[in-house]
N, C-alpha and C. Protein backbone atom coordinates (compact mmCIF):
# COMPACT_ATOMS: atom_id res chain seq x y z
N MET A 1 75.82 -72.73 -16.24
CA MET A 1 74.58 -73.05 -15.60
C MET A 1 74.34 -74.54 -15.69
N LYS A 2 73.76 -75.09 -14.67
CA LYS A 2 73.59 -76.53 -14.61
C LYS A 2 72.48 -77.04 -15.52
N ALA A 3 71.39 -76.32 -15.67
CA ALA A 3 70.26 -76.81 -16.46
C ALA A 3 69.92 -75.81 -17.55
N PRO A 4 70.59 -75.90 -18.70
CA PRO A 4 70.35 -74.92 -19.76
C PRO A 4 69.10 -75.21 -20.58
N LEU A 5 68.03 -75.62 -19.90
CA LEU A 5 66.76 -75.86 -20.55
C LEU A 5 65.65 -75.23 -19.73
N ILE A 6 64.66 -74.74 -20.42
CA ILE A 6 63.44 -74.26 -19.79
C ILE A 6 62.34 -75.17 -20.28
N ALA A 7 61.49 -75.61 -19.40
CA ALA A 7 60.38 -76.47 -19.80
C ALA A 7 59.11 -75.64 -19.82
N LEU A 8 58.57 -75.45 -21.00
CA LEU A 8 57.27 -74.79 -21.13
C LEU A 8 56.23 -75.87 -20.98
N ALA A 9 55.53 -75.84 -19.89
CA ALA A 9 54.52 -76.86 -19.64
C ALA A 9 53.16 -76.20 -19.52
N VAL A 10 52.21 -76.76 -20.20
CA VAL A 10 50.85 -76.25 -20.11
C VAL A 10 49.91 -77.43 -19.91
N ALA A 11 48.87 -77.20 -19.18
CA ALA A 11 47.88 -78.25 -18.97
C ALA A 11 46.53 -77.59 -18.89
N GLY A 12 45.53 -78.28 -19.36
CA GLY A 12 44.19 -77.74 -19.30
C GLY A 12 43.43 -78.07 -20.55
N SER A 13 42.38 -77.35 -20.78
CA SER A 13 41.54 -77.58 -21.93
C SER A 13 41.52 -76.31 -22.77
N LEU A 14 41.91 -76.42 -24.02
CA LEU A 14 41.94 -75.25 -24.89
C LEU A 14 40.55 -74.85 -25.35
N VAL A 15 39.74 -75.81 -25.67
CA VAL A 15 38.43 -75.52 -26.23
C VAL A 15 37.39 -76.27 -25.42
N ALA A 16 36.30 -75.61 -25.11
CA ALA A 16 35.24 -76.28 -24.35
C ALA A 16 34.84 -77.56 -25.06
N GLY A 17 34.77 -78.62 -24.31
CA GLY A 17 34.39 -79.89 -24.89
C GLY A 17 35.56 -80.72 -25.38
N SER A 18 36.74 -80.13 -25.46
CA SER A 18 37.90 -80.90 -25.90
C SER A 18 38.54 -81.56 -24.69
N PRO A 19 39.22 -82.67 -24.89
CA PRO A 19 39.85 -83.33 -23.74
C PRO A 19 40.99 -82.47 -23.20
N ALA A 20 41.25 -82.61 -21.92
CA ALA A 20 42.36 -81.89 -21.30
C ALA A 20 43.66 -82.40 -21.90
N PHE A 21 44.67 -81.55 -21.94
CA PHE A 21 45.94 -81.93 -22.49
C PHE A 21 47.04 -81.48 -21.54
N ALA A 22 48.17 -82.06 -21.71
CA ALA A 22 49.37 -81.63 -20.99
C ALA A 22 50.53 -81.82 -21.94
N GLU A 23 51.29 -80.79 -22.12
CA GLU A 23 52.41 -80.87 -23.04
C GLU A 23 53.56 -80.06 -22.48
N THR A 24 54.75 -80.52 -22.75
CA THR A 24 55.95 -79.81 -22.33
C THR A 24 56.87 -79.68 -23.53
N VAL A 25 57.43 -78.50 -23.70
CA VAL A 25 58.40 -78.25 -24.75
C VAL A 25 59.65 -77.71 -24.06
N ALA A 26 60.79 -78.28 -24.38
CA ALA A 26 62.06 -77.81 -23.82
C ALA A 26 62.63 -76.71 -24.70
N VAL A 27 63.07 -75.64 -24.07
CA VAL A 27 63.71 -74.53 -24.78
C VAL A 27 65.13 -74.44 -24.25
N SER A 28 66.09 -74.67 -25.12
CA SER A 28 67.49 -74.65 -24.70
C SER A 28 68.06 -73.24 -24.76
N TYR A 29 68.89 -72.95 -23.79
CA TYR A 29 69.65 -71.70 -23.82
C TYR A 29 71.13 -71.97 -23.54
N ALA A 30 71.55 -73.21 -23.77
CA ALA A 30 72.94 -73.61 -23.52
C ALA A 30 73.92 -72.80 -24.36
N ASP A 31 73.48 -72.36 -25.52
CA ASP A 31 74.36 -71.62 -26.42
C ASP A 31 74.28 -70.12 -26.22
N LEU A 32 73.53 -69.66 -25.21
CA LEU A 32 73.31 -68.23 -25.00
C LEU A 32 73.94 -67.74 -23.71
N ASN A 33 74.33 -66.49 -23.70
CA ASN A 33 74.72 -65.81 -22.48
C ASN A 33 73.50 -65.02 -22.04
N ILE A 34 72.71 -65.61 -21.11
CA ILE A 34 71.48 -64.94 -20.73
C ILE A 34 71.70 -63.77 -19.78
N SER A 35 72.96 -63.46 -19.52
CA SER A 35 73.28 -62.26 -18.76
C SER A 35 73.36 -61.05 -19.68
N SER A 36 73.46 -61.30 -20.98
CA SER A 36 73.56 -60.20 -21.94
C SER A 36 72.20 -59.86 -22.52
N PRO A 37 71.99 -58.61 -22.90
CA PRO A 37 70.72 -58.23 -23.53
C PRO A 37 70.45 -59.04 -24.81
N GLU A 38 71.49 -59.30 -25.57
CA GLU A 38 71.33 -60.06 -26.82
C GLU A 38 70.85 -61.49 -26.52
N GLY A 39 71.49 -62.13 -25.53
CA GLY A 39 71.10 -63.48 -25.16
C GLY A 39 69.69 -63.53 -24.62
N GLN A 40 69.32 -62.54 -23.84
CA GLN A 40 67.97 -62.47 -23.30
C GLN A 40 66.94 -62.29 -24.42
N HIS A 41 67.28 -61.49 -25.41
CA HIS A 41 66.38 -61.26 -26.54
C HIS A 41 66.17 -62.56 -27.33
N VAL A 42 67.24 -63.27 -27.60
CA VAL A 42 67.14 -64.53 -28.35
C VAL A 42 66.33 -65.55 -27.55
N LEU A 43 66.59 -65.63 -26.25
CA LEU A 43 65.84 -66.57 -25.42
C LEU A 43 64.36 -66.21 -25.37
N ALA A 44 64.05 -64.93 -25.26
CA ALA A 44 62.65 -64.50 -25.24
C ALA A 44 61.96 -64.90 -26.55
N HIS A 45 62.67 -64.78 -27.66
CA HIS A 45 62.09 -65.18 -28.95
C HIS A 45 61.85 -66.69 -28.99
N ARG A 46 62.80 -67.46 -28.49
CA ARG A 46 62.64 -68.92 -28.45
C ARG A 46 61.43 -69.31 -27.59
N ILE A 47 61.30 -68.65 -26.45
CA ILE A 47 60.18 -68.93 -25.55
C ILE A 47 58.86 -68.57 -26.23
N HIS A 48 58.82 -67.43 -26.89
CA HIS A 48 57.63 -66.99 -27.61
C HIS A 48 57.22 -68.04 -28.64
N ARG A 49 58.17 -68.49 -29.44
CA ARG A 49 57.87 -69.48 -30.49
C ARG A 49 57.39 -70.80 -29.87
N ALA A 50 58.04 -71.23 -28.80
CA ALA A 50 57.66 -72.48 -28.16
C ALA A 50 56.26 -72.37 -27.54
N ALA A 51 55.95 -71.23 -26.92
CA ALA A 51 54.63 -71.04 -26.32
C ALA A 51 53.55 -71.03 -27.39
N LEU A 52 53.84 -70.42 -28.52
CA LEU A 52 52.87 -70.45 -29.64
C LEU A 52 52.62 -71.89 -30.06
N GLU A 53 53.69 -72.67 -30.13
CA GLU A 53 53.57 -74.07 -30.56
C GLU A 53 52.79 -74.90 -29.55
N VAL A 54 53.19 -74.83 -28.30
CA VAL A 54 52.59 -75.68 -27.28
C VAL A 54 51.13 -75.31 -27.03
N CYS A 55 50.78 -74.06 -27.25
CA CYS A 55 49.40 -73.61 -27.02
C CYS A 55 48.57 -73.60 -28.30
N ASP A 56 49.17 -74.07 -29.39
CA ASP A 56 48.49 -74.17 -30.66
C ASP A 56 47.92 -72.83 -31.12
N VAL A 57 48.72 -71.79 -30.99
CA VAL A 57 48.30 -70.47 -31.42
C VAL A 57 48.77 -70.27 -32.85
N THR A 58 47.81 -70.26 -33.76
CA THR A 58 48.14 -70.04 -35.16
C THR A 58 47.63 -68.68 -35.64
N GLU A 59 46.70 -68.11 -34.88
CA GLU A 59 46.18 -66.79 -35.21
C GLU A 59 47.09 -65.72 -34.59
N GLN A 60 46.82 -64.48 -34.91
CA GLN A 60 47.57 -63.37 -34.33
C GLN A 60 47.18 -63.19 -32.87
N LEU A 61 48.16 -63.06 -31.99
CA LEU A 61 47.88 -62.90 -30.57
C LEU A 61 47.00 -61.68 -30.26
N PRO A 62 47.25 -60.51 -30.88
CA PRO A 62 46.38 -59.36 -30.56
C PRO A 62 44.90 -59.65 -30.83
N ALA A 63 44.60 -60.31 -31.92
CA ALA A 63 43.20 -60.64 -32.24
C ALA A 63 42.63 -61.60 -31.21
N LEU A 64 43.44 -62.57 -30.79
CA LEU A 64 42.98 -63.53 -29.79
C LEU A 64 42.76 -62.86 -28.43
N ARG A 65 43.61 -61.89 -28.10
CA ARG A 65 43.46 -61.19 -26.82
C ARG A 65 42.12 -60.46 -26.76
N ILE A 66 41.70 -59.88 -27.85
CA ILE A 66 40.41 -59.19 -27.90
C ILE A 66 39.28 -60.17 -27.61
N GLN A 67 39.42 -61.39 -28.10
CA GLN A 67 38.39 -62.41 -27.92
C GLN A 67 38.51 -63.12 -26.56
N HIS A 68 39.54 -62.83 -25.79
CA HIS A 68 39.80 -63.50 -24.52
C HIS A 68 39.87 -65.02 -24.72
N SER A 69 40.65 -65.41 -25.68
CA SER A 69 40.78 -66.81 -26.05
C SER A 69 41.51 -67.63 -25.00
N PRO A 70 41.08 -68.88 -24.78
CA PRO A 70 41.82 -69.78 -23.88
C PRO A 70 43.25 -70.01 -24.36
N LYS A 71 43.47 -69.91 -25.65
CA LYS A 71 44.83 -70.08 -26.18
C LYS A 71 45.75 -68.97 -25.69
N VAL A 72 45.21 -67.77 -25.54
CA VAL A 72 46.01 -66.66 -25.03
C VAL A 72 46.36 -66.89 -23.57
N GLU A 73 45.41 -67.38 -22.80
CA GLU A 73 45.69 -67.69 -21.40
C GLU A 73 46.78 -68.75 -21.31
N CYS A 74 46.70 -69.76 -22.16
CA CYS A 74 47.72 -70.81 -22.21
C CYS A 74 49.09 -70.19 -22.53
N TYR A 75 49.12 -69.35 -23.57
CA TYR A 75 50.37 -68.69 -23.99
C TYR A 75 50.93 -67.85 -22.85
N ASP A 76 50.09 -67.02 -22.24
CA ASP A 76 50.56 -66.15 -21.15
C ASP A 76 51.10 -66.96 -19.98
N ASN A 77 50.41 -68.06 -19.63
CA ASN A 77 50.88 -68.91 -18.54
C ASN A 77 52.20 -69.58 -18.87
N ALA A 78 52.35 -70.04 -20.09
CA ALA A 78 53.59 -70.70 -20.51
C ALA A 78 54.77 -69.72 -20.45
N VAL A 79 54.56 -68.50 -20.96
CA VAL A 79 55.63 -67.50 -20.94
C VAL A 79 55.97 -67.09 -19.51
N ALA A 80 54.95 -66.91 -18.69
CA ALA A 80 55.19 -66.54 -17.28
C ALA A 80 55.98 -67.63 -16.56
N SER A 81 55.62 -68.88 -16.81
CA SER A 81 56.34 -70.00 -16.20
C SER A 81 57.80 -70.00 -16.64
N ALA A 82 58.02 -69.77 -17.92
CA ALA A 82 59.39 -69.74 -18.44
C ALA A 82 60.19 -68.60 -17.80
N LYS A 83 59.57 -67.45 -17.63
CA LYS A 83 60.26 -66.31 -17.02
C LYS A 83 60.67 -66.61 -15.59
N LEU A 84 59.82 -67.33 -14.86
CA LEU A 84 60.17 -67.73 -13.50
C LEU A 84 61.36 -68.67 -13.50
N GLN A 85 61.38 -69.60 -14.46
CA GLN A 85 62.50 -70.54 -14.56
C GLN A 85 63.80 -69.81 -14.91
N ILE A 86 63.72 -68.82 -15.78
CA ILE A 86 64.91 -68.03 -16.15
C ILE A 86 65.44 -67.30 -14.93
N ALA A 87 64.55 -66.65 -14.19
CA ALA A 87 64.97 -65.90 -13.00
C ALA A 87 65.64 -66.83 -11.99
N SER A 88 65.09 -68.02 -11.82
CA SER A 88 65.66 -68.99 -10.90
C SER A 88 67.04 -69.42 -11.37
N ALA A 89 67.19 -69.67 -12.66
CA ALA A 89 68.49 -70.08 -13.20
C ALA A 89 69.51 -68.96 -13.04
N GLN A 90 69.09 -67.73 -13.25
CA GLN A 90 70.02 -66.60 -13.10
C GLN A 90 70.45 -66.44 -11.65
N ARG A 91 69.52 -66.62 -10.72
CA ARG A 91 69.88 -66.53 -9.28
C ARG A 91 70.85 -67.65 -8.91
N ALA A 92 70.60 -68.85 -9.39
CA ALA A 92 71.48 -69.98 -9.09
C ALA A 92 72.88 -69.73 -9.65
N HIS A 93 72.92 -69.19 -10.86
CA HIS A 93 74.21 -68.90 -11.49
C HIS A 93 74.96 -67.83 -10.69
N ALA A 94 74.25 -66.80 -10.27
CA ALA A 94 74.89 -65.72 -9.50
C ALA A 94 75.40 -66.24 -8.15
N ALA A 95 74.65 -67.14 -7.53
CA ALA A 95 75.07 -67.69 -6.25
C ALA A 95 76.30 -68.58 -6.37
N ASN A 96 76.46 -69.21 -7.54
CA ASN A 96 77.60 -70.10 -7.76
C ASN A 96 78.80 -69.39 -8.35
N SER A 97 78.66 -68.12 -8.64
CA SER A 97 79.76 -67.36 -9.26
C SER A 97 80.68 -66.77 -8.23
């Protein structure tokens, strides 16, 4: 694959009254076979950890979901964005194979 990185990018305001932020974290999958279930599992874990970091989620996600926290929205958006990038990379790889 040509670009073995996923960029988790989030922008917005986490807490009312706080300044807007924009941050990107690169998640590498160069060492993984993302066509295999094992590789997909490892990549999903890496994305999860990166989304927690970039969205500053230190509490448990289930508890935050109950509160409808902006951090959860950030996390969900970051993971969704990463999933789209993975699907695009897989399609590109399949087209070049």
